C-alpha atoms as a PDB file:
ATOM      1  CA  MET A   1      11.646  25.892   0.591  1.00  0.00           C
ATOM      2  CA  ALA A   2      12.900  22.335   1.079  1.00  0.00           C
ATOM      3  CA  ASP A   3      14.536  20.901  -2.012  1.00  0.00           C
ATOM      4  CA  PHE A   4      14.694  17.186  -2.508  1.00  0.00           C
ATOM      5  CA  ARG A   5      16.611  15.406  -5.329  1.00  0.00           C
ATOM      6  CA  VAL A   6      15.839  11.849  -6.369  1.00  0.00           C
ATOM      7  CA  THR A   7      18.579   9.977  -8.413  1.00  0.00           C
ATOM      8  CA  GLY A   8      18.766   6.452  -9.716  1.00  0.00           C
ATOM      9  CA  GLN A   9      21.962   5.713  -7.709  1.00  0.00           C
ATOM     10  CA  MET A  10      20.265   6.656  -4.488  1.00  0.00           C
ATOM     11  CA  LYS A  11      19.748   3.795  -2.076  1.00  0.00           C
ATOM     12  CA  VAL A  12      16.263   3.183  -0.667  1.00  0.00           C
ATOM     13  CA  LYS A  13      17.509   3.893   2.841  1.00  0.00           C
ATOM     14  CA  THR A  14      19.009   7.277   1.687  1.00  0.00           C
ATOM     15  CA  LEU A  15      15.799   8.148  -0.103  1.00  0.00           C
ATOM     16  CA  LYS A  16      13.699   7.499   2.980  1.00  0.00           C
ATOM     17  CA  GLU A  17      16.066   9.367   5.289  1.00  0.00           C
ATOM     18  CA  GLN A  18      16.421  12.460   3.064  1.00  0.00           C
ATOM     19  CA  PHE A  19      12.612  12.588   2.561  1.00  0.00           C
ATOM     20  CA  MET A  20      12.210  12.588   6.352  1.00  0.00           C
ATOM     21  CA  ASP A  21      14.787  15.339   6.724  1.00  0.00           C
ATOM     22  CA  CYS A  22      13.101  17.449   4.137  1.00  0.00           C
ATOM     23  CA  PHE A  23       9.395  17.006   4.846  1.00  0.00           C
ATOM     24  CA  GLY A  24       9.269  15.562   8.354  1.00  0.00           C
ATOM     25  CA  THR A  25       7.351  12.510   7.402  1.00  0.00           C
ATOM     26  CA  VAL A  26       7.687   8.847   6.288  1.00  0.00           C
ATOM     27  CA  LEU A  27       8.098   7.550   2.625  1.00  0.00           C
ATOM     28  CA  ARG A  28       7.330   3.942   2.119  1.00  0.00           C
ATOM     29  CA  VAL A  29       9.091   2.323  -0.879  1.00  0.00           C
ATOM     30  CA  TYR A  30       7.816  -0.950  -2.366  1.00  0.00           C
ATOM     31  CA  TYR A  31       9.449  -3.561  -4.540  1.00  0.00           C
ATOM     32  CA  LYS A  32       6.869  -5.953  -6.126  1.00  0.00           C
ATOM     33  CA  ASN A  33       4.588  -7.034  -3.175  1.00  0.00           C
ATOM     34  CA  ARG A  34       6.906  -6.115  -0.248  1.00  0.00           C
ATOM     35  CA  PHE A  35       8.973  -3.229   1.123  1.00  0.00           C
ATOM     36  CA  ALA A  36      12.115  -2.548  -0.878  1.00  0.00           C
ATOM     37  CA  ASP A  37      15.479  -3.585   0.572  1.00  0.00           C
ATOM     38  CA  ASP A  38      17.204  -0.565   2.181  1.00  0.00           C
ATOM     39  CA  ASP A  39      20.468  -1.297   0.530  1.00  0.00           C
ATOM     40  CA  ALA A  40      19.011  -1.512  -3.000  1.00  0.00           C
ATOM     41  CA  THR A  41      19.358   1.490  -5.357  1.00  0.00           C
ATOM     42  CA  LEU A  42      16.443   2.838  -7.252  1.00  0.00           C
ATOM     43  CA  ALA A  43      18.055   1.871 -10.516  1.00  0.00           C
ATOM     44  CA  SER A  44      18.542  -1.741  -9.384  1.00  0.00           C
ATOM     45  CA  ILE A  45      14.695  -2.155  -8.429  1.00  0.00           C
ATOM     46  CA  ARG A  46      13.516  -0.162 -11.536  1.00  0.00           C
ATOM     47  CA  ALA A  47      10.819  -1.992 -13.331  1.00  0.00           C
ATOM     48  CA  GLU A  48      11.378  -3.323 -16.806  1.00  0.00           C
ATOM     49  CA  GLY A  49      10.478  -0.683 -19.490  1.00  0.00           C
ATOM     50  CA  TYR A  50      11.004   2.261 -17.253  1.00  0.00           C
ATOM     51  CA  LYS A  51      13.896   4.698 -18.112  1.00  0.00           C
ATOM     52  CA  GLY A  52      14.663   6.047 -14.657  1.00  0.00           C
ATOM     53  CA  GLY A  53      16.462   9.390 -14.295  1.00  0.00           C
ATOM     54  CA  ASP A  54      16.880  12.220 -11.793  1.00  0.00           C
ATOM     55  CA  PHE A  55      14.398  14.876 -10.633  1.00  0.00           C
ATOM     56  CA  ASP A  56      13.891  17.598  -8.094  1.00  0.00           C
ATOM     57  CA  CYS A  57      10.891  18.271  -5.943  1.00  0.00           C
ATOM     58  CA  GLY A  58      10.025  20.732  -3.197  1.00  0.00           C
ATOM     59  CA  ASP A  59       7.600  21.930  -0.520  1.00  0.00           C
ATOM     60  CA  ASN A  60       4.817  22.944  -2.908  1.00  0.00           C
ATOM     61  CA  ASP A  61       4.720  19.657  -4.853  1.00  0.00           C
ATOM     62  CA  ILE A  62       1.605  17.571  -4.418  1.00  0.00           C
ATOM     63  CA  VAL A  63       1.834  14.228  -2.575  1.00  0.00           C
ATOM     64  CA  GLY A  64       0.084  12.324  -5.343  1.00  0.00           C
ATOM     65  CA  ASP A  65       2.107  13.975  -8.067  1.00  0.00           C
ATOM     66  CA  PHE A  66       5.393  13.052  -6.293  1.00  0.00           C
ATOM     67  CA  GLU A  67       4.238   9.390  -5.963  1.00  0.00           C
ATOM     68  CA  ASP A  68       2.959   9.311  -9.664  1.00  0.00           C
ATOM     69  CA  PHE A  69       6.292  10.773 -10.941  1.00  0.00           C
ATOM     70  CA  ILE A  70       8.458   8.074  -9.289  1.00  0.00           C
ATOM     71  CA  MET A  71       6.096   5.450 -10.749  1.00  0.00           C
ATOM     72  CA  ALA A  72       6.342   7.080 -14.177  1.00  0.00           C
ATOM     73  CA  LEU A  73      10.163   7.223 -14.103  1.00  0.00           C
ATOM     74  CA  TYR A  74      11.003   3.949 -12.279  1.00  0.00           C
ATOM     75  CA  GLY A  75       7.925   1.832 -12.113  1.00  0.00           C
ATOM     76  CA  ILE A  76       8.341   1.884  -8.336  1.00  0.00           C
ATOM     77  CA  GLU A  77       5.412   2.232  -5.942  1.00  0.00           C
ATOM     78  CA  VAL A  78       6.095   4.794  -3.160  1.00  0.00           C
ATOM     79  CA  GLN A  79       3.524   6.148  -0.598  1.00  0.00           C
ATOM     80  CA  VAL A  80       3.816   9.136   1.731  1.00  0.00           C
ATOM     81  CA  ALA A  81       2.735   8.126   5.188  1.00  0.00           C
ATOM     82  CA  SER A  82       2.262  10.016   8.514  1.00  0.00           C
ATOM     83  CA  PRO A  83       5.305  10.928  10.598  1.00  0.00           C
ATOM     84  CA  ASP A  84       4.707   7.817  12.853  1.00  0.00           C
ATOM     85  CA  ASP A  85       4.107   5.583   9.828  1.00  0.00           C
ATOM     86  CA  SER A  86       0.618   4.535  11.012  1.00  0.00           C
ATOM     87  CA  TYR A  87      -1.342   5.489   7.786  1.00  0.00           C
ATOM     88  CA  LEU A  88      -1.089   6.936   4.322  1.00  0.00           C
ATOM     89  CA  VAL A  89      -1.711  10.672   3.982  1.00  0.00           C
ATOM     90  CA  ASP A  90      -4.133  12.559   1.612  1.00  0.00           C
ATOM     91  CA  ASN A  91      -2.757  12.566  -1.939  1.00  0.00           C
ATOM     92  CA  ASN A  92      -4.082  16.129  -2.429  1.00  0.00           C
ATOM     93  CA  LEU A  93      -1.816  17.686   0.282  1.00  0.00           C
ATOM     94  CA  ARG A  94       1.400  19.582  -0.544  1.00  0.00           C
ATOM     95  CA  LEU A  95       4.525  17.971   0.815  1.00  0.00           C
ATOM     96  CA  CYS A  96       5.076  20.933   3.065  1.00  0.00           C
ATOM     97  CA  GLU A  97       1.569  20.517   4.544  1.00  0.00           C
ATOM     98  CA  VAL A  98       1.753  16.782   5.524  1.00  0.00           C
ATOM     99  CA  LYS A  99       3.504  17.169   8.932  1.00  0.00           C
ATOM    100  CA  ASN A 100       1.252  20.037  10.163  1.00  0.00           C
ATOM    101  CA  HIS A 101      -1.830  18.511   8.680  1.00  0.00           C
ATOM    102  CA  VAL A 102      -1.289  15.259  10.549  1.00  0.00           C
ATOM    103  CA  LYS A 103      -0.789  17.149  13.840  1.00  0.00           C
ATOM    104  CA  ALA A 104      -3.879  19.124  13.313  1.00  0.00           C
ATOM    105  CA  THR A 105      -6.331  16.542  12.141  1.00  0.00           C
ATOM    106  CA  GLY A 106      -4.996  13.111  12.875  1.00  0.00           C
ATOM    107  CA  LYS A 107      -6.215   9.879  11.200  1.00  0.00           C
ATOM    108  CA  SER A 108      -9.100   9.936   8.786  1.00  0.00           C
ATOM    109  CA  ARG A 109     -12.332   8.882  10.318  1.00  0.00           C
ATOM    110  CA  SER A 110     -13.997   7.577   7.091  1.00  0.00           C
ATOM    111  CA  LYS A 111     -15.933   4.401   7.619  1.00  0.00           C
ATOM    112  CA  PHE A 112     -17.608   2.006   5.218  1.00  0.00           C
ATOM    113  CA  SER A 113     -20.570  -0.324   5.471  1.00  0.00           C
ATOM    114  CA  PHE A 114     -20.630  -3.736   3.673  1.00  0.00           C
ATOM    115  CA  ASN A 115     -23.098  -6.510   4.072  1.00  0.00           C
ATOM    116  CA  GLY A 116     -24.266  -5.128   7.446  1.00  0.00           C
ATOM    117  CA  GLU A 117     -20.683  -4.701   8.834  1.00  0.00           C
ATOM    118  CA  VAL A 118     -19.208  -1.268   9.525  1.00  0.00           C
ATOM    119  CA  CYS A 119     -15.496  -1.151   8.474  1.00  0.00           C
ATOM    120  CA  ALA A 120     -13.141   1.475  10.021  1.00  0.00           C
ATOM    121  CA  SER A 121     -10.851   1.738   7.041  1.00  0.00           C
ATOM    122  CA  LYS A 122     -10.358   0.841   3.368  1.00  0.00           C
ATOM    123  CA  GLY A 123      -8.260  -2.027   4.416  1.00  0.00           C
ATOM    124  CA  LYS A 124     -10.958  -3.461   6.735  1.00  0.00           C
ATOM    125  CA  LEU A 125     -13.519  -3.025   3.929  1.00  0.00           C
ATOM    126  CA  CYS A 126     -11.355  -5.011   1.526  1.00  0.00           C
ATOM    127  CA  HIS A 127     -10.891  -7.677   4.284  1.00  0.00           C
ATOM    128  CA  ALA A 128     -14.635  -7.925   4.879  1.00  0.00           C
ATOM    129  CA  MET A 129     -15.281  -8.351   1.056  1.00  0.00           C
ATOM    130  CA  ALA A 130     -12.543 -10.990   0.736  1.00  0.00           C
ATOM    131  CA  LYS A 131     -13.919 -12.938   3.727  1.00  0.00           C
ATOM    132  CA  TYR A 132     -17.406 -12.802   2.355  1.00  0.00           C
ATOM    133  CA  TYR A 133     -16.244 -14.075  -1.052  1.00  0.00           C
ATOM    134  CA  ILE A 134     -14.372 -16.973   0.521  1.00  0.00           C
ATOM    135  CA  GLU A 135     -17.356 -17.928   2.631  1.00  0.00           C
ATOM    136  CA  GLN A 136     -19.527 -17.931  -0.442  1.00  0.00           C
ATOM    137  CA  ASN A 137     -16.943 -20.067  -2.354  1.00  0.00           C
ATOM    138  CA  PRO A 138     -15.678 -22.675   0.142  1.00  0.00           C
ATOM    139  CA  ASP A 139     -14.016 -24.863  -2.455  1.00  0.00           C
ATOM    140  CA  ILE A 140     -11.803 -22.127  -3.903  1.00  0.00           C
ATOM    141  CA  THR A 141      -8.064 -22.830  -3.915  1.00  0.00           C
ATOM    142  CA  HIS A 142      -5.243 -20.540  -2.875  1.00  0.00           C
ATOM    143  CA  GLU A 143      -4.137 -20.272  -6.513  1.00  0.00           C
ATOM    144  CA  GLU A 144      -7.561 -19.307  -7.694  1.00  0.00           C
ATOM    145  CA  LEU A 145      -7.731 -16.628  -5.023  1.00  0.00           C
ATOM    146  CA  ARG A 146      -4.310 -15.226  -6.034  1.00  0.00           C
ATOM    147  CA  LYS A 147      -5.462 -14.932  -9.643  1.00  0.00           C
ATOM    148  CA  LYS A 148      -8.898 -13.549  -8.751  1.00  0.00           C
ATOM    149  CA  PHE A 149      -7.518 -10.794  -6.535  1.00  0.00           C
ATOM    150  CA  HIS A 150      -4.284  -9.955  -8.026  1.00  0.00           C
ATOM    151  CA  ILE A 151      -3.860  -6.193  -8.407  1.00  0.00           C
ATOM    152  CA  ALA A 152      -0.969  -4.526 -10.085  1.00  0.00           C
ATOM    153  CA  ASP A 153       1.994  -6.381  -8.565  1.00  0.00           C
ATOM    154  CA  VAL A 154       0.136  -7.537  -5.326  1.00  0.00           C
ATOM    155  CA  ASN A 155      -1.672 -10.673  -4.402  1.00  0.00           C
ATOM    156  CA  ALA A 156      -4.396  -9.077  -2.233  1.00  0.00           C
ATOM    157  CA  ILE A 157      -5.165 -12.488  -0.795  1.00  0.00           C
ATOM    158  CA  GLU A 158      -2.290 -14.899   0.019  1.00  0.00           C
ATOM    159  CA  SER A 159      -1.646 -17.991   1.981  1.00  0.00           C
ATOM    160  CA  VAL A 160      -0.111 -17.423   5.418  1.00  0.00           C
ATOM    161  CA  GLU A 161       3.020 -19.253   4.387  1.00  0.00           C
ATOM    162  CA  GLU A 162       3.665 -17.021   1.361  1.00  0.00           C
ATOM    163  CA  ALA A 163       2.676 -13.830   3.307  1.00  0.00           C
ATOM    164  CA  LEU A 164       5.299 -14.629   5.908  1.00  0.00           C
ATOM    165  CA  LYS A 165       7.996 -14.257   3.225  1.00  0.00           C
ATOM    166  CA  THR A 166       7.220 -10.531   3.062  1.00  0.00           C
ATOM    167  CA  LYS A 167       8.550  -8.062   5.554  1.00  0.00           C
ATOM    168  CA  ASP A 168       7.477  -4.644   6.875  1.00  0.00           C
ATOM    169  CA  SER A 169       9.729  -1.655   7.248  1.00  0.00           C
ATOM    170  CA  ALA A 170      11.000  -2.968  10.561  1.00  0.00           C
ATOM    171  CA  GLY A 171      11.852  -6.344   9.059  1.00  0.00           C
ATOM    172  CA  ASN A 172       8.956  -8.209  10.666  1.00  0.00           C
ATOM    173  CA  PRO A 173       7.583 -11.275   8.631  1.00  0.00           C
ATOM    174  CA  GLY A 174       4.167 -10.850   7.077  1.00  0.00           C
ATOM    175  CA  GLY A 175       4.582  -7.187   6.310  1.00  0.00           C
ATOM    176  CA  GLY A 176       1.747  -5.889   4.112  1.00  0.00           C
ATOM    177  CA  TYR A 177      -0.888  -8.356   5.324  1.00  0.00           C
ATOM    178  CA  TYR A 178      -3.346  -8.586   8.184  1.00  0.00           C
ATOM    179  CA  MET A 179      -1.473 -11.407  10.007  1.00  0.00           C
ATOM    180  CA  ARG A 180      -3.136 -11.568  13.353  1.00  0.00           C
ATOM    181  CA  GLU A 181      -4.796 -14.895  14.003  1.00  0.00           C
ATOM    182  CA  LYS A 182      -8.181 -13.366  14.314  1.00  0.00           C
ATOM    183  CA  ASP A 183      -7.816 -11.758  10.930  1.00  0.00           C
ATOM    184  CA  GLN A 184      -6.844 -14.942   9.093  1.00  0.00           C
ATOM    185  CA  ILE A 185      -9.515 -16.513   6.927  1.00  0.00           C
ATOM    186  CA  ALA A 186      -9.920 -20.304   6.762  1.00  0.00           C
ATOM    187  CA  THR A 187     -10.088 -22.136   3.442  1.00  0.00           C
ATOM    188  CA  LYS A 188      -9.925 -25.775   2.565  1.00  0.00           C
ATOM    189  CA  GLU A 189      -6.242 -25.436   1.855  1.00  0.00           C
ATOM    190  CA  GLY A 190      -5.438 -23.584   5.061  1.00  0.00           C
ATOM    191  CA  ASN A 191      -5.686 -20.013   6.264  1.00  0.00           C
ATOM    192  CA  VAL A 192      -5.183 -16.980   4.009  1.00  0.00           C
ATOM    193  CA  VAL A 193      -4.530 -13.339   4.808  1.00  0.00           C
ATOM    194  CA  VAL A 194      -5.530 -10.080   3.085  1.00  0.00           C
ATOM    195  CA  TRP A 195      -3.258  -7.162   2.055  1.00  0.00           C
ATOM    196  CA  ASN A 196      -3.402  -4.171   4.381  1.00  0.00           C
ATOM    197  CA  TYR A 197      -1.878  -1.314   2.391  1.00  0.00           C
ATOM    198  CA  TRP A 198      -4.401   0.353   0.179  1.00  0.00           C
ATOM    199  CA  PRO A 199      -3.086   3.339  -1.873  1.00  0.00           C
ATOM    200  CA  GLU A 200      -5.703   4.587  -4.219  1.00  0.00           C
ATOM    201  CA  ARG A 201      -4.740   2.643  -7.363  1.00  0.00           C
ATOM    202  CA  TYR A 202      -4.816  -0.704  -5.354  1.00  0.00           C
ATOM    203  CA  PHE A 203      -8.085   0.244  -3.728  1.00  0.00           C
ATOM    204  CA  ILE A 204      -9.711   1.139  -7.137  1.00  0.00           C
ATOM    205  CA  GLY A 205      -8.472  -2.126  -8.536  1.00  0.00           C
ATOM    206  CA  PHE A 206      -9.987  -4.179  -5.656  1.00  0.00           C
ATOM    207  CA  MET A 207     -13.211  -2.311  -5.887  1.00  0.00           C
ATOM    208  CA  GLU A 208     -13.385  -3.055  -9.578  1.00  0.00           C
ATOM    209  CA  ILE A 209     -13.033  -6.799  -8.894  1.00  0.00           C
ATOM    210  CA  THR A 210     -15.747  -6.736  -6.238  1.00  0.00           C
ATOM    211  CA  ARG A 211     -18.023  -4.545  -8.314  1.00  0.00           C
ATOM    212  CA  ARG A 212     -17.961  -7.263 -10.996  1.00  0.00           C
ATOM    213  CA  LEU A 213     -19.017  -9.715  -8.269  1.00  0.00           C
ATOM    214  CA  GLY A 214     -22.015  -7.497  -7.536  1.00  0.00           C
ATOM    215  CA  TYR A 215     -20.774  -6.233  -4.176  1.00  0.00           C
ATOM    216  CA  THR A 216     -21.581  -2.712  -2.984  1.00  0.00           C
ATOM    217  CA  TYR A 217     -20.652  -0.577  -0.071  1.00  0.00           C
ATOM    218  CA  GLU A 218     -21.552   2.783   1.489  1.00  0.00           C
ATOM    219  CA  GLU A 219     -19.414   5.376   3.240  1.00  0.00           C
ATOM    220  CA  VAL A 220     -20.803   6.162   6.651  1.00  0.00           C
END
């Protein structure tokens, strides 16, 4: 059984490296709306009001429970991703199952339909809904979009200029957003981009916003 100990003095880089050593897969660590600095300790990025502390986990712990426990102790968002860091894994898996499960089944094939468009992922569904909302509200400002689609600690819609201030795990500007030119959405104040990492609590929050707007979708 792999044993994994999390401590407040552990650096983000060490946390990710030891998680890979123990479970053979990637752990994403976030600070506010971007990837956490590798040289920061967990204690230094702990959210206000959270006590922190040390804890142990092992092979039989559930992915979602592990993620929730770090959130409960530190107020830090972490997500278990596939070994190649291409997508987030099922929260119901045990940590010992992640590597073999990815090899056996690959990426989820769930698709969604919204307004006549088939979306290949939760992220693309959110992008389609955001684009539709902006097209229906051509005079909306960037600040209004930030407030309308703010979820937890993330602006799900952001200006290109602000999005470029975030970085992905490789240090590339724009990390966290759909930055390709074809994915940018035009507004009267310039192009905006949509967040592209959708763990369950963020996705539920976004769907609650769009539900209030009267938007519906189907899983296909």
